[in-house]
Amino acid sequence: MSLTLHTVLTATGGNTTGIEIPAEVVASFGRGRRVPVVVTIGDHAFRNTIAAYRDSYWLGVSAENRTRAGIAAGDAIDVTLEVDDAPRTVEPPAELADALADDPAAAAAWDTLSYSHQRAHAEAIAEAKRPDTRARRVAAALKMLHATP
C-alpha cells in the first residue's frame, strides 16, 4: 500500500526536521504505531519508520536525505509513503566484515543486533577518515560484541 501526502517539512529543533503524519494515515497502514516505510520525495527515496511521539506521529528527514531530495525546513513537499516489508540489512564496511569473518563469536553477536545498532556501528566505522580511527572503531565494536549476551 502506498499513498501521497502534500505537507510541509517542519523544523523540529536544532538541525532536525520531520514530517508530521496524520493518525488516520498511520492507522490506514494497519501496522500499529511504528510503520516501516519507503519515503519518496521528488526523485529521492529512502527507508525510515513512522514513529509515535507524544500524541502525534512523525517521520524524521535527515540532513543527508534533505540534501539528496533538494528540500529544506519550511518547504511544501509531496511525500509518497509505501509500507516497507523488505528485510533491513546492513553491509558492514570491509574492515569490520574482515574482523567478523575472523571472530565467529563476534559475528554471532553481530547477527543478534537490531538493524539500527548494526547501522550505527557500520556508519561510525565507514565515516572515519583515518585508518587508525577506523581500526579503533572496529576494535570498539568487537569489544561491545563480546560483551553482548
Protein backbone atom coordinates (compact mmCIF):
# COMPACT_ATOMS: atom_id res chain seq x y z
CA MET A 1 0.00 0.00 0.00
CA SER A 2 1.25 3.49 -0.78
CA LEU A 3 -0.13 6.99 -0.53
CA THR A 4 0.99 10.52 -1.25
CA LEU A 5 0.69 13.46 1.13
CA HIS A 6 1.11 17.14 0.39
CA THR A 7 2.71 18.57 3.52
CA VAL A 8 5.42 20.85 4.91
CA LEU A 9 8.86 19.78 6.10
CA THR A 10 8.94 21.02 9.69
CA ALA A 11 11.98 22.21 11.65
CA THR A 12 11.82 20.31 14.93
CA GLY A 13 14.76 21.89 16.78
CA GLY A 14 18.44 22.29 16.07
CA ASN A 15 19.25 20.73 12.71
CA THR A 16 16.42 18.20 12.86
CA THR A 17 13.39 18.15 10.61
CA GLY A 18 10.39 15.93 10.23
CA ILE A 19 7.07 15.36 8.61
CA GLU A 20 4.03 15.05 10.81
CA ILE A 21 1.95 12.10 9.65
CA PRO A 22 -1.80 12.23 10.37
CA ALA A 23 -3.01 9.50 12.73
CA GLU A 24 -5.57 8.29 10.17
CA VAL A 25 -2.74 7.72 7.66
CA VAL A 26 -0.79 5.64 10.20
CA ALA A 27 -3.96 3.66 11.03
CA SER A 28 -4.64 3.04 7.34
CA PHE A 29 -1.42 1.03 7.05
CA GLY A 30 -2.72 -1.44 9.67
CA ARG A 31 0.74 -1.89 11.18
CA GLY A 32 0.39 -0.33 14.62
CA ARG A 33 2.17 2.79 15.85
CA ARG A 34 5.59 2.20 14.18
CA VAL A 35 5.31 1.69 10.45
CA PRO A 36 8.39 0.90 8.33
CA VAL A 37 8.11 2.83 5.06
CA VAL A 38 9.92 3.73 1.89
CA VAL A 39 9.71 7.53 1.64
CA THR A 40 9.89 9.19 -1.77
CA ILE A 41 10.35 12.95 -2.10
CA GLY A 42 10.87 14.04 -5.70
CA ASP A 43 13.35 11.60 -7.24
CA HIS A 44 14.88 10.60 -3.90
CA ALA A 45 13.72 7.54 -1.94
CA PHE A 46 14.89 6.33 1.46
CA ARG A 47 13.83 3.89 4.15
CA ASN A 48 12.55 5.07 7.52
CA THR A 49 9.99 4.33 10.20
CA ILE A 50 7.00 6.43 11.20
CA ALA A 51 7.31 6.91 14.95
CA ALA A 52 4.82 7.88 17.63
CA TYR A 53 5.87 11.00 19.52
CA ARG A 54 3.63 12.23 22.31
CA ASP A 55 0.17 12.49 20.72
CA SER A 56 1.32 12.59 17.11
CA TYR A 57 3.27 10.65 14.50
CA TRP A 58 6.47 11.81 12.83
CA LEU A 59 8.84 10.80 10.11
CA GLY A 60 12.34 12.21 10.55
CA VAL A 61 14.18 13.55 7.50
CA SER A 62 17.95 13.62 8.00
CA ALA A 63 20.25 16.32 6.64
CA GLU A 64 21.60 13.81 4.11
CA ASN A 65 18.08 13.00 2.85
CA ARG A 66 17.15 16.69 2.71
CA THR A 67 20.23 17.40 0.59
CA ARG A 68 19.58 14.49 -1.75
CA ALA A 69 15.92 15.47 -2.16
CA GLY A 70 16.77 19.17 -2.55
CA ILE A 71 14.47 20.31 0.26
CA ALA A 72 14.74 22.42 3.40
CA ALA A 73 12.68 23.07 6.51
CA GLY A 74 9.57 25.07 5.65
CA ASP A 75 9.29 23.69 2.10
CA ALA A 76 5.92 22.43 0.89
CA ILE A 77 6.54 18.91 -0.40
CA ASP A 78 4.79 15.88 -1.84
CA VAL A 79 5.75 12.73 0.06
CA THR A 80 4.90 9.22 -1.07
CA LEU A 81 4.88 6.57 1.66
CA GLU A 82 4.91 2.86 0.91
CA VAL A 83 4.95 0.11 3.53
CA ASP A 84 8.44 -1.40 3.62
CA ASP A 85 8.33 -5.15 4.15
CA ALA A 86 11.85 -5.78 2.81
CA PRO A 87 14.33 -7.11 5.36
CA ARG A 88 16.57 -4.43 6.79
CA THR A 89 20.18 -5.49 6.49
CA VAL A 90 23.48 -3.72 6.96
CA GLU A 91 26.55 -4.37 4.85
CA PRO A 92 29.46 -3.89 7.26
CA PRO A 93 32.47 -1.93 5.99
CA ALA A 94 35.36 -4.10 4.78
CA GLU A 95 37.41 -3.74 7.97
CA LEU A 96 34.51 -4.84 10.15
CA ALA A 97 33.49 -7.61 7.74
CA ASP A 98 37.07 -8.98 7.86
CA ALA A 99 37.12 -8.81 11.66
CA LEU A 100 33.76 -10.59 11.91
CA ALA A 101 34.95 -13.29 9.49
CA ASP A 102 37.93 -13.95 11.81
CA ASP A 103 35.83 -13.92 15.01
CA PRO A 104 32.82 -16.28 14.98
CA ALA A 105 31.66 -15.19 18.46
CA ALA A 106 31.58 -11.54 17.42
CA ALA A 107 29.86 -12.46 14.15
CA ALA A 108 27.17 -14.36 16.06
CA ALA A 109 26.65 -11.35 18.37
CA TRP A 110 26.52 -9.03 15.31
CA ASP A 111 23.69 -11.14 13.89
CA THR A 112 21.63 -10.59 17.06
CA LEU A 113 21.90 -6.78 16.90
CA SER A 114 18.96 -4.76 15.64
CA TYR A 115 19.21 -3.10 12.25
CA SER A 116 19.66 0.32 13.83
CA HIS A 117 22.51 -0.85 16.09
CA GLN A 118 24.27 -2.58 13.21
CA ARG A 119 23.87 0.54 11.10
CA ALA A 120 25.24 2.80 13.85
CA HIS A 121 28.42 0.72 14.16
CA ALA A 122 28.85 0.36 10.39
CA GLU A 123 28.39 4.09 9.77
CA ALA A 124 30.78 5.08 12.57
CA ILE A 125 33.49 2.91 11.01
CA ALA A 126 32.77 3.85 7.40
CA GLU A 127 32.71 7.60 8.15
CA ALA A 128 36.14 7.60 9.80
CA LYS A 129 38.64 9.33 7.55
CA ARG A 130 41.87 7.98 9.03
CA PRO A 131 42.81 4.29 9.01
CA ASP A 132 43.80 4.38 12.70
CA THR A 133 40.40 5.82 13.61
CA ARG A 134 38.67 3.09 11.61
CA ALA A 135 40.79 0.44 13.35
CA ARG A 136 39.94 1.90 16.79
CA ARG A 137 36.24 1.86 15.93
CA VAL A 138 36.42 -1.74 14.70
CA ALA A 139 38.14 -2.71 17.97
CA ALA A 140 35.46 -0.90 19.98
CA ALA A 141 32.70 -2.66 18.03
CA LEU A 142 34.33 -6.05 18.62
CA LYS A 143 34.67 -5.29 22.35
CA MET A 144 30.97 -4.39 22.51
CA LEU A 145 30.04 -7.52 20.56
CA HIS A 146 31.96 -9.73 23.01
CA ALA A 147 30.07 -8.08 25.87
CA THR A 148 26.68 -8.76 24.21
CA PRO A 149 24.87 -11.62 25.93
